[in-house]
ModelCIF file with pLDDT and N, C-alpha, C, O atoms, coordinates in Angstrom:
data_MODEL
#
_entry.id   MODEL 
#
_entity.id                         1 
_entity.type                       polymer 
_entity.pdbx_number_of_molecules   1 
#
_entity_poly.entity_id                      1 
_entity_poly.type                           'polypeptide(L)' 
_entity_poly.nstd_linkage                   no 
_entity_poly.nstd_monomer                   no 
_entity_poly.pdbx_seq_one_letter_code       TYAMGWFRQAPGQEREFVARISYAGDNTYYTDSVKGRFTISRDNAENK 
_entity_poly.pdbx_seq_one_letter_code_can   TYAMGWFRQAPGQEREFVARISYAGDNTYYTDSVKGRFTISRDNAENK 
_entity_poly.pdbx_strand_id                 A 
#
loop_
_entity_poly_seq.entity_id 
_entity_poly_seq.num 
_entity_poly_seq.mon_id 
_entity_poly_seq.hetero 
1 1  THR n 
1 2  TYR n 
1 3  ALA n 
1 4  MET n 
1 5  GLY n 
1 6  TRP n 
1 7  PHE n 
1 8  ARG n 
1 9  GLN n 
1 10 ALA n 
1 11 PRO n 
1 12 GLY n 
1 13 GLN n 
1 14 GLU n 
1 15 ARG n 
1 16 GLU n 
1 17 PHE n 
1 18 VAL n 
1 19 ALA n 
1 20 ARG n 
1 21 ILE n 
1 22 SER n 
1 23 TYR n 
1 24 ALA n 
1 25 GLY n 
1 26 ASP n 
1 27 ASN n 
1 28 THR n 
1 29 TYR n 
1 30 TYR n 
1 31 THR n 
1 32 ASP n 
1 33 SER n 
1 34 VAL n 
1 35 LYS n 
1 36 GLY n 
1 37 ARG n 
1 38 PHE n 
1 39 THR n 
1 40 ILE n 
1 41 SER n 
1 42 ARG n 
1 43 ASP n 
1 44 ASN n 
1 45 ALA n 
1 46 GLU n 
1 47 ASN n 
1 48 LYS n 
#
_struct_asym.id          A 
_struct_asym.entity_id   1 
#
loop_
_ma_qa_metric.id 
_ma_qa_metric.mode 
_ma_qa_metric.name 
_ma_qa_metric.software_group_id 
_ma_qa_metric.type 
1 global pLDDT . pLDDT 
2 local  pLDDT . pLDDT 
#
_ma_qa_metric_global.metric_id      1 
_ma_qa_metric_global.metric_value   96.08 
_ma_qa_metric_global.model_id       1 
_ma_qa_metric_global.ordinal_id     1 
#
loop_
_ma_qa_metric_local.label_asym_id 
_ma_qa_metric_local.label_comp_id 
_ma_qa_metric_local.label_seq_id 
_ma_qa_metric_local.metric_id 
_ma_qa_metric_local.metric_value 
_ma_qa_metric_local.model_id 
_ma_qa_metric_local.ordinal_id 
A THR 1  2 93.00 1 1  
A TYR 2  2 94.00 1 2  
A ALA 3  2 95.00 1 3  
A MET 4  2 96.00 1 4  
A GLY 5  2 97.00 1 5  
A TRP 6  2 98.00 1 6  
A PHE 7  2 98.00 1 7  
A ARG 8  2 98.00 1 8  
A GLN 9  2 98.00 1 9  
A ALA 10 2 97.00 1 10 
A PRO 11 2 91.00 1 11 
A GLY 12 2 94.00 1 12 
A GLN 13 2 95.00 1 13 
A GLU 14 2 94.00 1 14 
A ARG 15 2 95.00 1 15 
A GLU 16 2 96.00 1 16 
A PHE 17 2 97.00 1 17 
A VAL 18 2 98.00 1 18 
A ALA 19 2 97.00 1 19 
A ARG 20 2 97.00 1 20 
A ILE 21 2 96.00 1 21 
A SER 22 2 95.00 1 22 
A TYR 23 2 94.00 1 23 
A ALA 24 2 93.00 1 24 
A GLY 25 2 94.00 1 25 
A ASP 26 2 94.00 1 26 
A ASN 27 2 95.00 1 27 
A THR 28 2 96.00 1 28 
A TYR 29 2 96.00 1 29 
A TYR 30 2 97.00 1 30 
A THR 31 2 97.00 1 31 
A ASP 32 2 97.00 1 32 
A SER 33 2 97.00 1 33 
A VAL 34 2 98.00 1 34 
A LYS 35 2 98.00 1 35 
A GLY 36 2 98.00 1 36 
A ARG 37 2 98.00 1 37 
A PHE 38 2 98.00 1 38 
A THR 39 2 98.00 1 39 
A ILE 40 2 98.00 1 40 
A SER 41 2 98.00 1 41 
A ARG 42 2 97.00 1 42 
A ASP 43 2 96.00 1 43 
A ASN 44 2 94.00 1 44 
A ALA 45 2 94.00 1 45 
A GLU 46 2 95.00 1 46 
A ASN 47 2 96.00 1 47 
A LYS 48 2 97.00 1 48 
#
loop_
_atom_site.group_PDB 
_atom_site.id 
_atom_site.type_symbol 
_atom_site.label_atom_id 
_atom_site.label_alt_id 
_atom_site.label_comp_id 
_atom_site.label_asym_id 
_atom_site.label_entity_id 
_atom_site.label_seq_id 
_atom_site.pdbx_PDB_ins_code 
_atom_site.Cartn_x 
_atom_site.Cartn_y 
_atom_site.Cartn_z 
_atom_site.occupancy 
_atom_site.B_iso_or_equiv 
_atom_site.pdbx_formal_charge 
_atom_site.auth_seq_id 
_atom_site.auth_comp_id 
_atom_site.auth_asym_id 
_atom_site.auth_atom_id 
_atom_site.pdbx_PDB_model_num 
ATOM 1   N N  . THR A 1 1  ? 60.388 -137.923 179.874 1.00 93.00 ? 1  THR A N  1 
ATOM 2   C CA . THR A 1 1  ? 61.586 -138.633 180.311 1.00 93.00 ? 1  THR A CA 1 
ATOM 3   C C  . THR A 1 1  ? 61.294 -139.638 181.419 1.00 93.00 ? 1  THR A C  1 
ATOM 4   O O  . THR A 1 1  ? 62.186 -140.385 181.821 1.00 93.00 ? 1  THR A O  1 
ATOM 5   N N  . TYR A 1 2  ? 60.060 -139.670 181.920 1.00 94.00 ? 2  TYR A N  1 
ATOM 6   C CA . TYR A 1 2  ? 59.705 -140.539 183.035 1.00 94.00 ? 2  TYR A CA 1 
ATOM 7   C C  . TYR A 1 2  ? 59.161 -141.877 182.557 1.00 94.00 ? 2  TYR A C  1 
ATOM 8   O O  . TYR A 1 2  ? 58.400 -141.939 181.592 1.00 94.00 ? 2  TYR A O  1 
ATOM 9   N N  . ALA A 1 3  ? 59.557 -142.946 183.239 1.00 95.00 ? 3  ALA A N  1 
ATOM 10  C CA . ALA A 1 3  ? 58.822 -144.192 183.118 1.00 95.00 ? 3  ALA A CA 1 
ATOM 11  C C  . ALA A 1 3  ? 57.540 -144.057 183.938 1.00 95.00 ? 3  ALA A C  1 
ATOM 12  O O  . ALA A 1 3  ? 57.519 -143.363 184.955 1.00 95.00 ? 3  ALA A O  1 
ATOM 13  N N  . MET A 1 4  ? 56.480 -144.716 183.499 1.00 96.00 ? 4  MET A N  1 
ATOM 14  C CA . MET A 1 4  ? 55.193 -144.635 184.186 1.00 96.00 ? 4  MET A CA 1 
ATOM 15  C C  . MET A 1 4  ? 54.691 -146.026 184.526 1.00 96.00 ? 4  MET A C  1 
ATOM 16  O O  . MET A 1 4  ? 54.960 -146.992 183.812 1.00 96.00 ? 4  MET A O  1 
ATOM 17  N N  . GLY A 1 5  ? 53.962 -146.113 185.618 1.00 97.00 ? 5  GLY A N  1 
ATOM 18  C CA . GLY A 1 5  ? 53.427 -147.403 186.032 1.00 97.00 ? 5  GLY A CA 1 
ATOM 19  C C  . GLY A 1 5  ? 52.031 -147.296 186.597 1.00 97.00 ? 5  GLY A C  1 
ATOM 20  O O  . GLY A 1 5  ? 51.592 -146.227 187.021 1.00 97.00 ? 5  GLY A O  1 
ATOM 21  N N  . TRP A 1 6  ? 51.342 -148.420 186.596 1.00 98.00 ? 6  TRP A N  1 
ATOM 22  C CA . TRP A 1 6  ? 50.054 -148.565 187.263 1.00 98.00 ? 6  TRP A CA 1 
ATOM 23  C C  . TRP A 1 6  ? 50.180 -149.630 188.337 1.00 98.00 ? 6  TRP A C  1 
ATOM 24  O O  . TRP A 1 6  ? 50.707 -150.715 188.093 1.00 98.00 ? 6  TRP A O  1 
ATOM 25  N N  . PHE A 1 7  ? 49.692 -149.312 189.523 1.00 98.00 ? 7  PHE A N  1 
ATOM 26  C CA . PHE A 1 7  ? 49.617 -150.246 190.637 1.00 98.00 ? 7  PHE A CA 1 
ATOM 27  C C  . PHE A 1 7  ? 48.174 -150.317 191.104 1.00 98.00 ? 7  PHE A C  1 
ATOM 28  O O  . PHE A 1 7  ? 47.366 -149.455 190.758 1.00 98.00 ? 7  PHE A O  1 
ATOM 29  N N  . ARG A 1 8  ? 47.842 -151.332 191.884 1.00 98.00 ? 8  ARG A N  1 
ATOM 30  C CA . ARG A 1 8  ? 46.498 -151.427 192.438 1.00 98.00 ? 8  ARG A CA 1 
ATOM 31  C C  . ARG A 1 8  ? 46.552 -152.008 193.839 1.00 98.00 ? 8  ARG A C  1 
ATOM 32  O O  . ARG A 1 8  ? 47.483 -152.730 194.196 1.00 98.00 ? 8  ARG A O  1 
ATOM 33  N N  . GLN A 1 9  ? 45.531 -151.678 194.629 1.00 98.00 ? 9  GLN A N  1 
ATOM 34  C CA . GLN A 1 9  ? 45.460 -152.144 196.002 1.00 98.00 ? 9  GLN A CA 1 
ATOM 35  C C  . GLN A 1 9  ? 44.020 -152.506 196.331 1.00 98.00 ? 9  GLN A C  1 
ATOM 36  O O  . GLN A 1 9  ? 43.137 -151.648 196.322 1.00 98.00 ? 9  GLN A O  1 
ATOM 37  N N  . ALA A 1 10 ? 43.791 -153.776 196.621 1.00 97.00 ? 10 ALA A N  1 
ATOM 38  C CA . ALA A 1 10 ? 42.481 -154.263 197.016 1.00 97.00 ? 10 ALA A CA 1 
ATOM 39  C C  . ALA A 1 10 ? 42.328 -154.138 198.533 1.00 97.00 ? 10 ALA A C  1 
ATOM 40  O O  . ALA A 1 10 ? 43.329 -154.056 199.245 1.00 97.00 ? 10 ALA A O  1 
ATOM 41  N N  . PRO A 1 11 ? 41.085 -154.123 199.041 1.00 91.00 ? 11 PRO A N  1 
ATOM 42  C CA . PRO A 1 11 ? 40.880 -154.016 200.489 1.00 91.00 ? 11 PRO A CA 1 
ATOM 43  C C  . PRO A 1 11 ? 41.619 -155.100 201.256 1.00 91.00 ? 11 PRO A C  1 
ATOM 44  O O  . PRO A 1 11 ? 41.507 -156.283 200.933 1.00 91.00 ? 11 PRO A O  1 
ATOM 45  N N  . GLY A 1 12 ? 42.374 -154.699 202.271 1.00 94.00 ? 12 GLY A N  1 
ATOM 46  C CA . GLY A 1 12 ? 43.101 -155.643 203.095 1.00 94.00 ? 12 GLY A CA 1 
ATOM 47  C C  . GLY A 1 12 ? 44.349 -156.212 202.460 1.00 94.00 ? 12 GLY A C  1 
ATOM 48  O O  . GLY A 1 12 ? 45.006 -157.064 203.059 1.00 94.00 ? 12 GLY A O  1 
ATOM 49  N N  . GLN A 1 13 ? 44.699 -155.764 201.258 1.00 95.00 ? 13 GLN A N  1 
ATOM 50  C CA . GLN A 1 13 ? 45.860 -156.283 200.548 1.00 95.00 ? 13 GLN A CA 1 
ATOM 51  C C  . GLN A 1 13 ? 46.933 -155.217 200.393 1.00 95.00 ? 13 GLN A C  1 
ATOM 52  O O  . GLN A 1 13 ? 46.665 -154.024 200.536 1.00 95.00 ? 13 GLN A O  1 
ATOM 53  N N  . GLU A 1 14 ? 48.143 -155.658 200.100 1.00 94.00 ? 14 GLU A N  1 
ATOM 54  C CA . GLU A 1 14 ? 49.226 -154.731 199.832 1.00 94.00 ? 14 GLU A CA 1 
ATOM 55  C C  . GLU A 1 14 ? 49.139 -154.237 198.391 1.00 94.00 ? 14 GLU A C  1 
ATOM 56  O O  . GLU A 1 14 ? 48.545 -154.889 197.532 1.00 94.00 ? 14 GLU A O  1 
ATOM 57  N N  . ARG A 1 15 ? 49.730 -153.097 198.148 1.00 95.00 ? 15 ARG A N  1 
ATOM 58  C CA . ARG A 1 15 ? 49.754 -152.548 196.804 1.00 95.00 ? 15 ARG A CA 1 
ATOM 59  C C  . ARG A 1 15 ? 50.572 -153.454 195.887 1.00 95.00 ? 15 ARG A C  1 
ATOM 60  O O  . ARG A 1 15 ? 51.667 -153.884 196.248 1.00 95.00 ? 15 ARG A O  1 
ATOM 61  N N  . GLU A 1 16 ? 50.037 -153.744 194.699 1.00 96.00 ? 16 GLU A N  1 
ATOM 62  C CA . GLU A 1 16 ? 50.724 -154.625 193.778 1.00 96.00 ? 16 GLU A CA 1 
ATOM 63  C C  . GLU A 1 16 ? 50.925 -153.968 192.415 1.00 96.00 ? 16 GLU A C  1 
ATOM 64  O O  . GLU A 1 16 ? 50.144 -153.116 191.991 1.00 96.00 ? 16 GLU A O  1 
ATOM 65  N N  . PHE A 1 17 ? 51.971 -154.381 191.759 1.00 97.00 ? 17 PHE A N  1 
ATOM 66  C CA . PHE A 1 17 ? 52.297 -153.893 190.433 1.00 97.00 ? 17 PHE A CA 1 
ATOM 67  C C  . PHE A 1 17 ? 51.310 -154.426 189.404 1.00 97.00 ? 17 PHE A C  1 
ATOM 68  O O  . PHE A 1 17 ? 50.897 -155.583 189.473 1.00 97.00 ? 17 PHE A O  1 
ATOM 69  N N  . VAL A 1 18 ? 50.932 -153.576 188.449 1.00 98.00 ? 18 VAL A N  1 
ATOM 70  C CA . VAL A 1 18 ? 50.041 -153.973 187.367 1.00 98.00 ? 18 VAL A CA 1 
ATOM 71  C C  . VAL A 1 18 ? 50.740 -153.878 186.013 1.00 98.00 ? 18 VAL A C  1 
ATOM 72  O O  . VAL A 1 18 ? 50.785 -154.858 185.268 1.00 98.00 ? 18 VAL A O  1 
ATOM 73  N N  . ALA A 1 19 ? 51.283 -152.711 185.692 1.00 97.00 ? 19 ALA A N  1 
ATOM 74  C CA . ALA A 1 19 ? 51.898 -152.499 184.385 1.00 97.00 ? 19 ALA A CA 1 
ATOM 75  C C  . ALA A 1 19 ? 52.856 -151.316 184.441 1.00 97.00 ? 19 ALA A C  1 
ATOM 76  O O  . ALA A 1 19 ? 52.723 -150.440 185.296 1.00 97.00 ? 19 ALA A O  1 
ATOM 77  N N  . ARG A 1 20 ? 53.819 -151.296 183.529 1.00 97.00 ? 20 ARG A N  1 
ATOM 78  C CA . ARG A 1 20 ? 54.715 -150.166 183.403 1.00 97.00 ? 20 ARG A CA 1 
ATOM 79  C C  . ARG A 1 20 ? 55.021 -149.913 181.939 1.00 97.00 ? 20 ARG A C  1 
ATOM 80  O O  . ARG A 1 20 ? 54.842 -150.790 181.094 1.00 97.00 ? 20 ARG A O  1 
ATOM 81  N N  . ILE A 1 21 ? 55.485 -148.708 181.648 1.00 96.00 ? 21 ILE A N  1 
ATOM 82  C CA . ILE A 1 21 ? 55.833 -148.329 180.288 1.00 96.00 ? 21 ILE A CA 1 
ATOM 83  C C  . ILE A 1 21 ? 57.047 -147.417 180.333 1.00 96.00 ? 21 ILE A C  1 
ATOM 84  O O  . ILE A 1 21 ? 57.147 -146.555 181.206 1.00 96.00 ? 21 ILE A O  1 
ATOM 85  N N  . SER A 1 22 ? 57.963 -147.599 179.402 1.00 95.00 ? 22 SER A N  1 
ATOM 86  C CA . SER A 1 22 ? 59.175 -146.802 179.357 1.00 95.00 ? 22 SER A CA 1 
ATOM 87  C C  . SER A 1 22 ? 58.874 -145.376 178.920 1.00 95.00 ? 22 SER A C  1 
ATOM 88  O O  . SER A 1 22 ? 57.763 -145.067 178.489 1.00 95.00 ? 22 SER A O  1 
ATOM 89  N N  . TYR A 1 23 ? 59.871 -144.517 179.037 1.00 94.00 ? 23 TYR A N  1 
ATOM 90  C CA . TYR A 1 23 ? 59.660 -143.093 178.760 1.00 94.00 ? 23 TYR A CA 1 
ATOM 91  C C  . TYR A 1 23 ? 59.186 -142.825 177.337 1.00 94.00 ? 23 TYR A C  1 
ATOM 92  O O  . TYR A 1 23 ? 58.403 -141.904 177.108 1.00 94.00 ? 23 TYR A O  1 
ATOM 93  N N  . ALA A 1 24 ? 59.659 -143.627 176.375 1.00 93.00 ? 24 ALA A N  1 
ATOM 94  C CA . ALA A 1 24 ? 59.281 -143.423 174.982 1.00 93.00 ? 24 ALA A CA 1 
ATOM 95  C C  . ALA A 1 24 ? 58.059 -144.243 174.574 1.00 93.00 ? 24 ALA A C  1 
ATOM 96  O O  . ALA A 1 24 ? 57.562 -144.095 173.457 1.00 93.00 ? 24 ALA A O  1 
ATOM 97  N N  . GLY A 1 25 ? 57.575 -145.098 175.457 1.00 94.00 ? 25 GLY A N  1 
ATOM 98  C CA . GLY A 1 25 ? 56.415 -145.911 175.157 1.00 94.00 ? 25 GLY A CA 1 
ATOM 99  C C  . GLY A 1 25 ? 56.705 -147.149 174.337 1.00 94.00 ? 25 GLY A C  1 
ATOM 100 O O  . GLY A 1 25 ? 55.774 -147.818 173.887 1.00 94.00 ? 25 GLY A O  1 
ATOM 101 N N  . ASP A 1 26 ? 57.972 -147.472 174.131 1.00 94.00 ? 26 ASP A N  1 
ATOM 102 C CA . ASP A 1 26 ? 58.333 -148.597 173.282 1.00 94.00 ? 26 ASP A CA 1 
ATOM 103 C C  . ASP A 1 26 ? 58.616 -149.882 174.042 1.00 94.00 ? 26 ASP A C  1 
ATOM 104 O O  . ASP A 1 26 ? 58.938 -150.900 173.428 1.00 94.00 ? 26 ASP A O  1 
ATOM 105 N N  . ASN A 1 27 ? 58.502 -149.857 175.360 1.00 95.00 ? 27 ASN A N  1 
ATOM 106 C CA . ASN A 1 27 ? 58.744 -151.034 176.176 1.00 95.00 ? 27 ASN A CA 1 
ATOM 107 C C  . ASN A 1 27 ? 57.693 -151.097 177.277 1.00 95.00 ? 27 ASN A C  1 
ATOM 108 O O  . ASN A 1 27 ? 57.573 -150.175 178.083 1.00 95.00 ? 27 ASN A O  1 
ATOM 109 N N  . THR A 1 28 ? 56.940 -152.180 177.306 1.00 96.00 ? 28 THR A N  1 
ATOM 110 C CA . THR A 1 28 ? 55.909 -152.358 178.322 1.00 96.00 ? 28 THR A CA 1 
ATOM 111 C C  . THR A 1 28 ? 56.087 -153.688 179.029 1.00 96.00 ? 28 THR A C  1 
ATOM 112 O O  . THR A 1 28 ? 56.695 -154.616 178.497 1.00 96.00 ? 28 THR A O  1 
ATOM 113 N N  . TYR A 1 29 ? 55.546 -153.767 180.240 1.00 96.00 ? 29 TYR A N  1 
ATOM 114 C CA . TYR A 1 29 ? 55.643 -154.983 181.036 1.00 96.00 ? 29 TYR A CA 1 
ATOM 115 C C  . TYR A 1 29 ? 54.405 -155.078 181.909 1.00 96.00 ? 29 TYR A C  1 
ATOM 116 O O  . TYR A 1 29 ? 53.930 -154.069 182.430 1.00 96.00 ? 29 TYR A O  1 
ATOM 117 N N  . TYR A 1 30 ? 53.872 -156.305 182.074 1.00 97.00 ? 30 TYR A N  1 
ATOM 118 C CA . TYR A 1 30 ? 52.636 -156.522 182.807 1.00 97.00 ? 30 TYR A CA 1 
ATOM 119 C C  . TYR A 1 30 ? 52.775 -157.655 183.805 1.00 97.00 ? 30 TYR A C  1 
ATOM 120 O O  . TYR A 1 30 ? 53.552 -158.588 183.604 1.00 97.00 ? 30 TYR A O  1 
ATOM 121 N N  . THR A 1 31 ? 52.015 -157.561 184.879 1.00 97.00 ? 31 THR A N  1 
ATOM 122 C CA . THR A 1 31 ? 51.916 -158.691 185.780 1.00 97.00 ? 31 THR A CA 1 
ATOM 123 C C  . THR A 1 31 ? 51.128 -159.796 185.073 1.00 97.00 ? 31 THR A C  1 
ATOM 124 O O  . THR A 1 31 ? 50.271 -159.510 184.237 1.00 97.00 ? 31 THR A O  1 
ATOM 125 N N  . ASP A 1 32 ? 51.416 -161.045 185.404 1.00 97.00 ? 32 ASP A N  1 
ATOM 126 C CA . ASP A 1 32 ? 50.846 -162.170 184.675 1.00 97.00 ? 32 ASP A CA 1 
ATOM 127 C C  . ASP A 1 32 ? 49.317 -162.167 184.647 1.00 97.00 ? 32 ASP A C  1 
ATOM 128 O O  . ASP A 1 32 ? 48.721 -162.558 183.644 1.00 97.00 ? 32 ASP A O  1 
ATOM 129 N N  . SER A 1 33 ? 48.687 -161.740 185.710 1.00 97.00 ? 33 SER A N  1 
ATOM 130 C CA . SER A 1 33 ? 47.239 -161.824 185.807 1.00 97.00 ? 33 SER A CA 1 
ATOM 131 C C  . SER A 1 33 ? 46.489 -160.905 184.844 1.00 97.00 ? 33 SER A C  1 
ATOM 132 O O  . SER A 1 33 ? 45.295 -161.098 184.616 1.00 97.00 ? 33 SER A O  1 
ATOM 133 N N  . VAL A 1 34 ? 47.171 -159.909 184.278 1.00 98.00 ? 34 VAL A N  1 
ATOM 134 C CA . VAL A 1 34 ? 46.499 -158.977 183.369 1.00 98.00 ? 34 VAL A CA 1 
ATOM 135 C C  . VAL A 1 34 ? 47.006 -159.071 181.941 1.00 98.00 ? 34 VAL A C  1 
ATOM 136 O O  . VAL A 1 34 ? 46.481 -158.386 181.064 1.00 98.00 ? 34 VAL A O  1 
ATOM 137 N N  . LYS A 1 35 ? 48.006 -159.891 181.682 1.00 98.00 ? 35 LYS A N  1 
ATOM 138 C CA . LYS A 1 35 ? 48.546 -160.024 180.334 1.00 98.00 ? 35 LYS A CA 1 
ATOM 139 C C  . LYS A 1 35 ? 47.464 -160.483 179.363 1.00 98.00 ? 35 LYS A C  1 
ATOM 140 O O  . LYS A 1 35 ? 46.719 -161.421 179.647 1.00 98.00 ? 35 LYS A O  1 
ATOM 141 N N  . GLY A 1 36 ? 47.386 -159.817 178.223 1.00 98.00 ? 36 GLY A N  1 
ATOM 142 C CA . GLY A 1 36 ? 46.381 -160.144 177.231 1.00 98.00 ? 36 GLY A CA 1 
ATOM 143 C C  . GLY A 1 36 ? 45.058 -159.458 177.447 1.00 98.00 ? 36 GLY A C  1 
ATOM 144 O O  . GLY A 1 36 ? 44.204 -159.480 176.561 1.00 98.00 ? 36 GLY A O  1 
ATOM 145 N N  . ARG A 1 37 ? 44.859 -158.843 178.610 1.00 98.00 ? 37 ARG A N  1 
ATOM 146 C CA . ARG A 1 37 ? 43.611 -158.147 178.912 1.00 98.00 ? 37 ARG A CA 1 
ATOM 147 C C  . ARG A 1 37 ? 43.806 -156.637 179.062 1.00 98.00 ? 37 ARG A C  1 
ATOM 148 O O  . ARG A 1 37 ? 42.972 -155.853 178.610 1.00 98.00 ? 37 ARG A O  1 
ATOM 149 N N  . PHE A 1 38 ? 44.897 -156.238 179.690 1.00 98.00 ? 38 PHE A N  1 
ATOM 150 C CA . PHE A 1 38 ? 45.167 -154.820 179.937 1.00 98.00 ? 38 PHE A CA 1 
ATOM 151 C C  . PHE A 1 38 ? 46.253 -154.321 179.002 1.00 98.00 ? 38 PHE A C  1 
ATOM 152 O O  . PHE A 1 38 ? 47.142 -155.077 178.612 1.00 98.00 ? 38 PHE A O  1 
ATOM 153 N N  . THR A 1 39 ? 46.179 -153.044 178.640 1.00 98.00 ? 39 THR A N  1 
ATOM 154 C CA . THR A 1 39 ? 47.186 -152.413 177.805 1.00 98.00 ? 39 THR A CA 1 
ATOM 155 C C  . THR A 1 39 ? 47.536 -151.045 178.372 1.00 98.00 ? 39 THR A C  1 
ATOM 156 O O  . THR A 1 39 ? 46.661 -150.202 178.569 1.00 98.00 ? 39 THR A O  1 
ATOM 157 N N  . ILE A 1 40 ? 48.819 -150.830 178.634 1.00 98.00 ? 40 ILE A N  1 
ATOM 158 C CA . ILE A 1 40 ? 49.281 -149.525 179.083 1.00 98.00 ? 40 ILE A CA 1 
ATOM 159 C C  . ILE A 1 40 ? 49.814 -148.759 177.875 1.00 98.00 ? 40 ILE A C  1 
ATOM 160 O O  . ILE A 1 40 ? 50.470 -149.337 177.009 1.00 98.00 ? 40 ILE A O  1 
ATOM 161 N N  . SER A 1 41 ? 49.536 -147.476 177.822 1.00 98.00 ? 41 SER A N  1 
ATOM 162 C CA . SER A 1 41 ? 50.008 -146.637 176.730 1.00 98.00 ? 41 SER A CA 1 
ATOM 163 C C  . SER A 1 41 ? 50.235 -145.225 177.248 1.00 98.00 ? 41 SER A C  1 
ATOM 164 O O  . SER A 1 41 ? 49.826 -144.893 178.361 1.00 98.00 ? 41 SER A O  1 
ATOM 165 N N  . ARG A 1 42 ? 50.885 -144.395 176.442 1.00 97.00 ? 42 ARG A N  1 
ATOM 166 C CA . ARG A 1 42 ? 51.115 -143.021 176.862 1.00 97.00 ? 42 ARG A CA 1 
ATOM 167 C C  . ARG A 1 42 ? 51.082 -142.083 175.668 1.00 97.00 ? 42 ARG A C  1 
ATOM 168 O O  . ARG A 1 42 ? 51.344 -142.484 174.535 1.00 97.00 ? 42 ARG A O  1 
ATOM 169 N N  . ASP A 1 43 ? 50.760 -140.843 175.939 1.00 96.00 ? 43 ASP A N  1 
ATOM 170 C CA . ASP A 1 43 ? 50.766 -139.784 174.948 1.00 96.00 ? 43 ASP A CA 1 
ATOM 171 C C  . ASP A 1 43 ? 51.604 -138.665 175.537 1.00 96.00 ? 43 ASP A C  1 
ATOM 172 O O  . ASP A 1 43 ? 51.109 -137.858 176.324 1.00 96.00 ? 43 ASP A O  1 
ATOM 173 N N  . ASN A 1 44 ? 52.873 -138.616 175.156 1.00 94.00 ? 44 ASN A N  1 
ATOM 174 C CA . ASN A 1 44 ? 53.778 -137.641 175.744 1.00 94.00 ? 44 ASN A CA 1 
ATOM 175 C C  . ASN A 1 44 ? 53.433 -136.200 175.366 1.00 94.00 ? 44 ASN A C  1 
ATOM 176 O O  . ASN A 1 44 ? 53.749 -135.272 176.110 1.00 94.00 ? 44 ASN A O  1 
ATOM 177 N N  . ALA A 1 45 ? 52.795 -136.012 174.225 1.00 94.00 ? 45 ALA A N  1 
ATOM 178 C CA . ALA A 1 45 ? 52.398 -134.672 173.813 1.00 94.00 ? 45 ALA A CA 1 
ATOM 179 C C  . ALA A 1 45 ? 51.338 -134.095 174.743 1.00 94.00 ? 45 ALA A C  1 
ATOM 180 O O  . ALA A 1 45 ? 51.241 -132.877 174.893 1.00 94.00 ? 45 ALA A O  1 
ATOM 181 N N  . GLU A 1 46 ? 50.541 -134.965 175.372 1.00 95.00 ? 46 GLU A N  1 
ATOM 182 C CA . GLU A 1 46 ? 49.489 -134.532 176.277 1.00 95.00 ? 46 GLU A CA 1 
ATOM 183 C C  . GLU A 1 46 ? 49.813 -134.805 177.741 1.00 95.00 ? 46 GLU A C  1 
ATOM 184 O O  . GLU A 1 46 ? 48.984 -134.531 178.609 1.00 95.00 ? 46 GLU A O  1 
ATOM 185 N N  . ASN A 1 47 ? 50.980 -135.332 178.033 1.00 96.00 ? 47 ASN A N  1 
ATOM 186 C CA . ASN A 1 47 ? 51.375 -135.676 179.403 1.00 96.00 ? 47 ASN A CA 1 
ATOM 187 C C  . ASN A 1 47 ? 50.372 -136.624 180.048 1.00 96.00 ? 47 ASN A C  1 
ATOM 188 O O  . ASN A 1 47 ? 49.937 -136.403 181.178 1.00 96.00 ? 47 ASN A O  1 
ATOM 189 N N  . LYS A 1 48 ? 50.008 -137.675 179.329 1.00 97.00 ? 48 LYS A N  1 
ATOM 190 C CA . LYS A 1 48 ? 49.024 -138.619 179.839 1.00 97.00 ? 48 LYS A CA 1 
ATOM 191 C C  . LYS A 1 48 ? 49.479 -140.059 179.647 1.00 97.00 ? 48 LYS A C  1 
ATOM 192 O O  . LYS A 1 48 ? 48.764 -140.988 180.024 1.00 97.00 ? 48 LYS A O  1 
#
């Protein structure tokens, strides 16, 4: 039932958004710098 996200933080920088995925895995969103390169996914049966 949870939405999940990935964030990242480089040295000396603030934490920034990378990607998110809806609870069912049918809706994803990415920051512009990773679009086309990164893919977020989930396996609810394995809680991952």
